[in-house]
PDB file of N, CA and C in Angstrom:
ATOM      1  N   MET A   1       5.253  48.945 -54.291  1.00  0.00           N
ATOM      2  CA  MET A   1       3.866  49.363 -54.162  1.00  0.00           C
ATOM      3  C   MET A   1       3.732  50.171 -52.866  1.00  0.00           C
ATOM      4  N   PRO A   2       3.070  51.334 -52.940  1.00  0.00           N
ATOM      5  CA  PRO A   2       2.868  52.129 -51.728  1.00  0.00           C
ATOM      6  C   PRO A   2       1.979  51.400 -50.723  1.00  0.00           C
ATOM      7  N   THR A   3       2.125  51.772 -49.470  1.00  0.00           N
ATOM      8  CA  THR A   3       1.348  51.169 -48.393  1.00  0.00           C
ATOM      9  C   THR A   3       0.463  52.229 -47.763  1.00  0.00           C
ATOM     10  N   ILE A   4      -0.786  51.832 -47.438  1.00  0.00           N
ATOM     11  CA  ILE A   4      -1.663  52.709 -46.668  1.00  0.00           C
ATOM     12  C   ILE A   4      -2.091  51.950 -45.418  1.00  0.00           C
ATOM     13  N   THR A   5      -2.503  52.686 -44.408  1.00  0.00           N
ATOM     14  CA  THR A   5      -2.973  52.081 -43.176  1.00  0.00           C
ATOM     15  C   THR A   5      -4.453  52.397 -43.026  1.00  0.00           C
ATOM     16  N   VAL A   6      -5.234  51.378 -42.679  1.00  0.00           N
ATOM     17  CA  VAL A   6      -6.666  51.550 -42.467  1.00  0.00           C
ATOM     18  C   VAL A   6      -6.959  51.229 -41.013  1.00  0.00           C
ATOM     19  N   ASN A   7      -7.586  52.162 -40.327  1.00  0.00           N
ATOM     20  CA  ASN A   7      -7.959  51.935 -38.940  1.00  0.00           C
ATOM     21  C   ASN A   7      -9.368  51.370 -38.863  1.00  0.00           C
ATOM     22  N   VAL A   8      -9.548  50.333 -38.064  1.00  0.00           N
ATOM     23  CA  VAL A   8     -10.860  49.753 -37.816  1.00  0.00           C
ATOM     24  C   VAL A   8     -11.039  49.650 -36.309  1.00  0.00           C
ATOM     25  N   ASP A   9     -12.308  49.640 -35.871  1.00  0.00           N
ATOM     26  CA  ASP A   9     -12.524  49.526 -34.437  1.00  0.00           C
ATOM     27  C   ASP A   9     -12.290  48.080 -33.976  1.00  0.00           C
ATOM     28  N   ASP A  10     -12.217  47.893 -32.680  1.00  0.00           N
ATOM     29  CA  ASP A  10     -11.889  46.577 -32.118  1.00  0.00           C
ATOM     30  C   ASP A  10     -12.892  45.510 -32.530  1.00  0.00           C
ATOM     31  N   ASP A  11     -14.180  45.864 -32.547  1.00  0.00           N
ATOM     32  CA  ASP A  11     -15.205  44.885 -32.909  1.00  0.00           C
ATOM     33  C   ASP A  11     -15.019  44.392 -34.345  1.00  0.00           C
ATOM     34  N   LEU A  12     -14.789  45.327 -35.244  1.00  0.00           N
ATOM     35  CA  LEU A  12     -14.594  44.936 -36.643  1.00  0.00           C
ATOM     36  C   LEU A  12     -13.349  44.079 -36.787  1.00  0.00           C
ATOM     37  N   LYS A  13     -12.282  44.430 -36.110  1.00  0.00           N
ATOM     38  CA  LYS A  13     -11.038  43.647 -36.167  1.00  0.00           C
ATOM     39  C   LYS A  13     -11.274  42.220 -35.682  1.00  0.00           C
ATOM     40  N   GLU A  14     -12.017  42.071 -34.590  1.00  0.00           N
ATOM     41  CA  GLU A  14     -12.329  40.725 -34.081  1.00  0.00           C
ATOM     42  C   GLU A  14     -13.134  39.930 -35.104  1.00  0.00           C
ATOM     43  N   ARG A  15     -14.085  40.579 -35.721  1.00  0.00           N
ATOM     44  CA  ARG A  15     -14.905  39.898 -36.733  1.00  0.00           C
ATOM     45  C   ARG A  15     -14.068  39.497 -37.939  1.00  0.00           C
ATOM     46  N   MET A  16     -13.156  40.373 -38.339  1.00  0.00           N
ATOM     47  CA  MET A  16     -12.261  40.054 -39.458  1.00  0.00           C
ATOM     48  C   MET A  16     -11.380  38.859 -39.113  1.00  0.00           C
ATOM     49  N   GLU A  17     -10.904  38.805 -37.885  1.00  0.00           N
ATOM     50  CA  GLU A  17     -10.013  37.711 -37.462  1.00  0.00           C
ATOM     51  C   GLU A  17     -10.704  36.356 -37.457  1.00  0.00           C
ATOM     52  N   LYS A  18     -12.028  36.351 -37.469  1.00  0.00           N
ATOM     53  CA  LYS A  18     -12.773  35.087 -37.547  1.00  0.00           C
ATOM     54  C   LYS A  18     -12.722  34.498 -38.956  1.00  0.00           C
ATOM     55  N   HIS A  19     -12.177  35.258 -39.886  1.00  0.00           N
ATOM     56  CA  HIS A  19     -12.077  34.811 -41.279  1.00  0.00           C
ATOM     57  C   HIS A  19     -10.656  35.002 -41.790  1.00  0.00           C
ATOM     58  N   PRO A  20      -9.721  34.231 -41.249  1.00  0.00           N
ATOM     59  CA  PRO A  20      -8.319  34.389 -41.668  1.00  0.00           C
ATOM     60  C   PRO A  20      -8.071  33.978 -43.116  1.00  0.00           C
ATOM     61  N   GLU A  21      -9.030  33.282 -43.706  1.00  0.00           N
ATOM     62  CA  GLU A  21      -8.887  32.859 -45.102  1.00  0.00           C
ATOM     63  C   GLU A  21      -9.062  34.019 -46.080  1.00  0.00           C
ATOM     64  N   ILE A  22      -9.587  35.131 -45.584  1.00  0.00           N
ATOM     65  CA  ILE A  22      -9.832  36.294 -46.436  1.00  0.00           C
ATOM     66  C   ILE A  22      -8.596  37.181 -46.466  1.00  0.00           C
ATOM     67  N   ASN A  23      -8.210  37.598 -47.667  1.00  0.00           N
ATOM     68  CA  ASN A  23      -7.111  38.541 -47.838  1.00  0.00           C
ATOM     69  C   ASN A  23      -7.712  39.947 -47.723  1.00  0.00           C
ATOM     70  N   TRP A  24      -7.700  40.489 -46.503  1.00  0.00           N
ATOM     71  CA  TRP A  24      -8.348  41.769 -46.248  1.00  0.00           C
ATOM     72  C   TRP A  24      -7.685  42.911 -47.008  1.00  0.00           C
ATOM     73  N   SER A  25      -6.418  42.801 -47.298  1.00  0.00           N
ATOM     74  CA  SER A  25      -5.759  43.818 -48.114  1.00  0.00           C
ATOM     75  C   SER A  25      -6.357  43.846 -49.516  1.00  0.00           C
ATOM     76  N   GLU A  26      -6.616  42.675 -50.062  1.00  0.00           N
ATOM     77  CA  GLU A  26      -7.213  42.602 -51.395  1.00  0.00           C
ATOM     78  C   GLU A  26      -8.648  43.116 -51.376  1.00  0.00           C
ATOM     79  N   VAL A  27      -9.393  42.800 -50.343  1.00  0.00           N
ATOM     80  CA  VAL A  27     -10.757  43.314 -50.204  1.00  0.00           C
ATOM     81  C   VAL A  27     -10.733  44.842 -50.184  1.00  0.00           C
ATOM     82  N   THR A  28      -9.812  45.398 -49.427  1.00  0.00           N
ATOM     83  CA  THR A  28      -9.680  46.848 -49.328  1.00  0.00           C
ATOM     84  C   THR A  28      -9.267  47.451 -50.663  1.00  0.00           C
ATOM     85  N   ARG A  29      -8.285  46.831 -51.335  1.00  0.00           N
ATOM     86  CA  ARG A  29      -7.849  47.315 -52.652  1.00  0.00           C
ATOM     87  C   ARG A  29      -9.019  47.349 -53.626  1.00  0.00           C
ATOM     88  N   GLN A  30      -9.812  46.264 -53.649  1.00  0.00           N
ATOM     89  CA  GLN A  30     -10.939  46.179 -54.577  1.00  0.00           C
ATOM     90  C   GLN A  30     -11.997  47.229 -54.252  1.00  0.00           C
ATOM     91  N   ALA A  31     -12.269  47.437 -52.963  1.00  0.00           N
ATOM     92  CA  ALA A  31     -13.251  48.451 -52.571  1.00  0.00           C
ATOM     93  C   ALA A  31     -12.793  49.845 -53.008  1.00  0.00           C
ATOM     94  N   ILE A  32     -11.527  50.135 -52.828  1.00  0.00           N
ATOM     95  CA  ILE A  32     -10.984  51.431 -53.247  1.00  0.00           C
ATOM     96  C   ILE A  32     -11.037  51.555 -54.765  1.00  0.00           C
ATOM     97  N   ARG A  33     -10.648  50.495 -55.467  1.00  0.00           N
ATOM     98  CA  ARG A  33     -10.688  50.499 -56.933  1.00  0.00           C
ATOM     99  C   ARG A  33     -12.110  50.751 -57.433  1.00  0.00           C
ATOM    100  N   ASP A  34     -13.091  50.046 -56.859  1.00  0.00           N
ATOM    101  CA  ASP A  34     -14.490  50.219 -57.267  1.00  0.00           C
ATOM    102  C   ASP A  34     -14.966  51.648 -57.021  1.00  0.00           C
ATOM    103  N   LYS A  35     -14.620  52.186 -55.859  1.00  0.00           N
ATOM    104  CA  LYS A  35     -15.034  53.549 -55.524  1.00  0.00           C
ATOM    105  C   LYS A  35     -14.415  54.553 -56.488  1.00  0.00           C
ATOM    106  N   ILE A  36     -13.138  54.407 -56.783  1.00  0.00           N
ATOM    107  CA  ILE A  36     -12.457  55.302 -57.719  1.00  0.00           C
ATOM    108  C   ILE A  36     -13.096  55.218 -59.105  1.00  0.00           C
ATOM    109  N   GLU A  37     -13.389  54.008 -59.576  1.00  0.00           N
ATOM    110  CA  GLU A  37     -14.015  53.848 -60.889  1.00  0.00           C
ATOM    111  C   GLU A  37     -15.378  54.525 -60.923  1.00  0.00           C
ATOM    112  N   ASN A  38     -16.158  54.392 -59.847  1.00  0.00           N
ATOM    113  CA  ASN A  38     -17.458  55.056 -59.784  1.00  0.00           C
ATOM    114  C   ASN A  38     -17.307  56.573 -59.783  1.00  0.00           C
ATOM    115  N   LEU A  39     -16.341  57.078 -59.027  1.00  0.00           N
ATOM    116  CA  LEU A  39     -16.106  58.522 -58.998  1.00  0.00           C
ATOM    117  C   LEU A  39     -15.648  59.045 -60.353  1.00  0.00           C
ATOM    118  N   GLU A  40     -14.788  58.299 -61.033  1.00  0.00           N
ATOM    119  CA  GLU A  40     -14.327  58.715 -62.358  1.00  0.00           C
ATOM    120  C   GLU A  40     -15.479  58.732 -63.358  1.00  0.00           C
ATOM    121  N   LEU A  41     -16.364  57.737 -63.271  1.00  0.00           N
ATOM    122  CA  LEU A  41     -17.537  57.713 -64.143  1.00  0.00           C
ATOM    123  C   LEU A  41     -18.433  58.907 -63.840  1.00  0.00           C
ATOM    124  N   LEU A  42     -18.643  59.180 -62.573  1.00  0.00           N
ATOM    125  CA  LEU A  42     -19.454  60.331 -62.184  1.00  0.00           C
ATOM    126  C   LEU A  42     -18.835  61.630 -62.701  1.00  0.00           C
ATOM    127  N   ASP A  43     -17.518  61.758 -62.566  1.00  0.00           N
ATOM    128  CA  ASP A  43     -16.824  62.942 -63.090  1.00  0.00           C
ATOM    129  C   ASP A  43     -17.029  63.076 -64.593  1.00  0.00           C
ATOM    130  N   GLU A  44     -16.938  61.961 -65.289  1.00  0.00           N
ATOM    131  CA  GLU A  44     -17.104  61.973 -66.745  1.00  0.00           C
ATOM    132  C   GLU A  44     -18.532  62.366 -67.128  1.00  0.00           C
ATOM    133  N   LEU A  45     -19.506  61.821 -66.406  1.00  0.00           N
ATOM    134  CA  LEU A  45     -20.907  62.107 -66.724  1.00  0.00           C
ATOM    135  C   LEU A  45     -21.306  63.541 -66.400  1.00  0.00           C
ATOM    136  N   THR A  46     -20.633  64.135 -65.433  1.00  0.00           N
ATOM    137  CA  THR A  46     -21.017  65.476 -65.004  1.00  0.00           C
ATOM    138  C   THR A  46     -20.054  66.569 -65.467  1.00  0.00           C
ATOM    139  N   ALA A  47     -19.097  66.215 -66.268  1.00  0.00           N
ATOM    140  CA  ALA A  47     -18.058  67.175 -66.676  1.00  0.00           C
ATOM    141  C   ALA A  47     -18.639  68.421 -67.329  1.00  0.00           C
ATOM    142  N   ASP A  48     -19.667  68.268 -68.135  1.00  0.00           N
ATOM    143  CA  ASP A  48     -20.230  69.418 -68.852  1.00  0.00           C
ATOM    144  C   ASP A  48     -21.484  69.973 -68.176  1.00  0.00           C
ATOM    145  N   SER A  49     -21.807  69.478 -67.001  1.00  0.00           N
ATOM    146  CA  SER A  49     -23.012  69.906 -66.302  1.00  0.00           C
ATOM    147  C   SER A  49     -22.868  71.318 -65.761  1.00  0.00           C
ATOM    148  N   GLU A  50     -23.958  72.064 -65.824  1.00  0.00           N
ATOM    149  CA  GLU A  50     -23.981  73.406 -65.257  1.00  0.00           C
ATOM    150  C   GLU A  50     -24.744  73.436 -63.941  1.00  0.00           C
ATOM    151  N   LEU A  51     -25.134  72.254 -63.436  1.00  0.00           N
ATOM    152  CA  LEU A  51     -25.868  72.194 -62.179  1.00  0.00           C
ATOM    153  C   LEU A  51     -24.957  72.543 -61.009  1.00  0.00           C
ATOM    154  N   THR A  52     -25.527  73.241 -60.042  1.00  0.00           N
ATOM    155  CA  THR A  52     -24.790  73.530 -58.824  1.00  0.00           C
ATOM    156  C   THR A  52     -25.042  72.408 -57.819  1.00  0.00           C
ATOM    157  N   THR A  53     -24.293  72.398 -56.751  1.00  0.00           N
ATOM    158  CA  THR A  53     -24.509  71.422 -55.689  1.00  0.00           C
ATOM    159  C   THR A  53     -25.921  71.559 -55.133  1.00  0.00           C
ATOM    160  N   GLU A  54     -26.376  72.798 -55.006  1.00  0.00           N
ATOM    161  CA  GLU A  54     -27.734  73.041 -54.507  1.00  0.00           C
ATOM    162  C   GLU A  54     -28.772  72.448 -55.457  1.00  0.00           C
ATOM    163  N   ASP A  55     -28.561  72.583 -56.773  1.00  0.00           N
ATOM    164  CA  ASP A  55     -29.469  71.995 -57.761  1.00  0.00           C
ATOM    165  C   ASP A  55     -29.535  70.478 -57.588  1.00  0.00           C
ATOM    166  N   VAL A  56     -28.376  69.876 -57.438  1.00  0.00           N
ATOM    167  CA  VAL A  56     -28.298  68.422 -57.291  1.00  0.00           C
ATOM    168  C   VAL A  56     -29.003  67.987 -56.013  1.00  0.00           C
ATOM    169  N   ASP A  57     -28.781  68.718 -54.921  1.00  0.00           N
ATOM    170  CA  ASP A  57     -29.443  68.390 -53.655  1.00  0.00           C
ATOM    171  C   ASP A  57     -30.960  68.478 -53.792  1.00  0.00           C
ATOM    172  N   GLU A  58     -31.437  69.495 -54.495  1.00  0.00           N
ATOM    173  CA  GLU A  58     -32.875  69.670 -54.698  1.00  0.00           C
ATOM    174  C   GLU A  58     -33.448  68.519 -55.524  1.00  0.00           C
ATOM    175  N   ILE A  59     -32.768  68.141 -56.585  1.00  0.00           N
ATOM    176  CA  ILE A  59     -33.223  67.016 -57.416  1.00  0.00           C
ATOM    177  C   ILE A  59     -33.221  65.724 -56.606  1.00  0.00           C
ATOM    178  N   ALA A  60     -32.161  65.506 -55.831  1.00  0.00           N
ATOM    179  CA  ALA A  60     -32.075  64.299 -55.008  1.00  0.00           C
ATOM    180  C   ALA A  60     -33.209  64.245 -53.998  1.00  0.00           C
ATOM    181  N   ALA A  61     -33.537  65.372 -53.395  1.00  0.00           N
ATOM    182  CA  ALA A  61     -34.639  65.411 -52.424  1.00  0.00           C
ATOM    183  C   ALA A  61     -35.960  65.066 -53.100  1.00  0.00           C
ATOM    184  N   LYS A  62     -36.172  65.561 -54.302  1.00  0.00           N
ATOM    185  CA  LYS A  62     -37.405  65.245 -55.039  1.00  0.00           C
ATOM    186  C   LYS A  62     -37.468  63.764 -55.380  1.00  0.00           C
ATOM    187  N   ILE A  63     -36.352  63.192 -55.789  1.00  0.00           N
ATOM    188  CA  ILE A  63     -36.314  61.764 -56.104  1.00  0.00           C
ATOM    189  C   ILE A  63     -36.595  60.946 -54.855  1.00  0.00           C
ATOM    190  N   ASN A  64     -35.961  61.309 -53.738  1.00  0.00           N
ATOM    191  CA  ASN A  64     -36.177  60.578 -52.489  1.00  0.00           C
ATOM    192  C   ASN A  64     -37.635  60.658 -52.042  1.00  0.00           C
ATOM    193  N   GLU A  65     -38.235  61.843 -52.159  1.00  0.00           N
ATOM    194  CA  GLU A  65     -39.641  62.018 -51.778  1.00  0.00           C
ATOM    195  C   GLU A  65     -40.549  61.171 -52.660  1.00  0.00           C
ATOM    196  N   SER A  66     -40.278  61.163 -53.949  1.00  0.00           N
ATOM    197  CA  SER A  66     -41.067  60.359 -54.877  1.00  0.00           C
ATOM    198  C   SER A  66     -40.939  58.869 -54.558  1.00  0.00           C
ATOM    199  N   ALA A  67     -39.734  58.434 -54.277  1.00  0.00           N
ATOM    200  CA  ALA A  67     -39.513  57.020 -53.939  1.00  0.00           C
ATOM    201  C   ALA A  67     -40.212  56.664 -52.633  1.00  0.00           C
ATOM    202  N   ARG A  68     -40.155  57.566 -51.640  1.00  0.00           N
ATOM    203  CA  ARG A  68     -40.815  57.325 -50.364  1.00  0.00           C
ATOM    204  C   ARG A  68     -42.313  57.175 -50.556  1.00  0.00           C
ATOM    205  N   LYS A  69     -42.909  58.049 -51.363  1.00  0.00           N
ATOM    206  CA  LYS A  69     -44.347  57.968 -51.623  1.00  0.00           C
ATOM    207  C   LYS A  69     -44.706  56.672 -52.335  1.00  0.00           C
ATOM    208  N   ARG A  70     -43.874  56.242 -53.280  1.00  0.00           N
ATOM    209  CA  ARG A  70     -44.125  55.002 -54.006  1.00  0.00           C
ATOM    210  C   ARG A  70     -44.090  53.799 -53.064  1.00  0.00           C
ATOM    211  N   VAL A  71     -43.101  53.775 -52.178  1.00  0.00           N
ATOM    212  CA  VAL A  71     -42.992  52.670 -51.227  1.00  0.00           C
ATOM    213  C   VAL A  71     -44.178  52.667 -50.276  1.00  0.00           C
ATOM    214  N   GLU A  72     -44.582  53.834 -49.807  1.00  0.00           N
ATOM    215  CA  GLU A  72     -45.742  53.925 -48.922  1.00  0.00           C
ATOM    216  C   GLU A  72     -46.994  53.430 -49.621  1.00  0.00           C
ATOM    217  N   LYS A  73     -47.166  53.800 -50.886  1.00  0.00           N
ATOM    218  CA  LYS A  73     -48.356  53.386 -51.651  1.00  0.00           C
ATOM    219  C   LYS A  73     -48.356  51.880 -51.863  1.00  0.00           C
ATOM    220  N   GLU A  74     -47.187  51.314 -52.171  1.00  0.00           N
ATOM    221  CA  GLU A  74     -47.084  49.866 -52.395  1.00  0.00           C
ATOM    222  C   GLU A  74     -47.314  49.059 -51.120  1.00  0.00           C
ATOM    223  N   SER A  75     -47.052  49.647 -49.967  1.00  0.00           N
ATOM    224  CA  SER A  75     -47.199  48.921 -48.717  1.00  0.00           C
ATOM    225  C   SER A  75     -48.603  49.061 -48.127  1.00  0.00           C
ATOM    226  N   GLU A  76     -49.491  49.795 -48.805  1.00  0.00           N
ATOM    227  CA  GLU A  76     -50.880  49.947 -48.318  1.00  0.00           C
ATOM    228  C   GLU A  76     -51.686  48.707 -48.574  1.00  0.00           C
TER     229      GLU A  76
END
């Protein structure tokens, strides 16, 4: 099995060391696996899309603005 190296800052390393019962390699493998599966699904869903990155950014901004307004209204 190939090996990769993951760099973490000193604070995170200290926090990880407080939990020696955790297999951090397995946690990392699972996180990478989950991310890859999500990216593959995204690739599959967008394979036939004609949207540009700019189109996607514009749609995302509209969704974020709508969500922000909804949260503001609910908190009144």
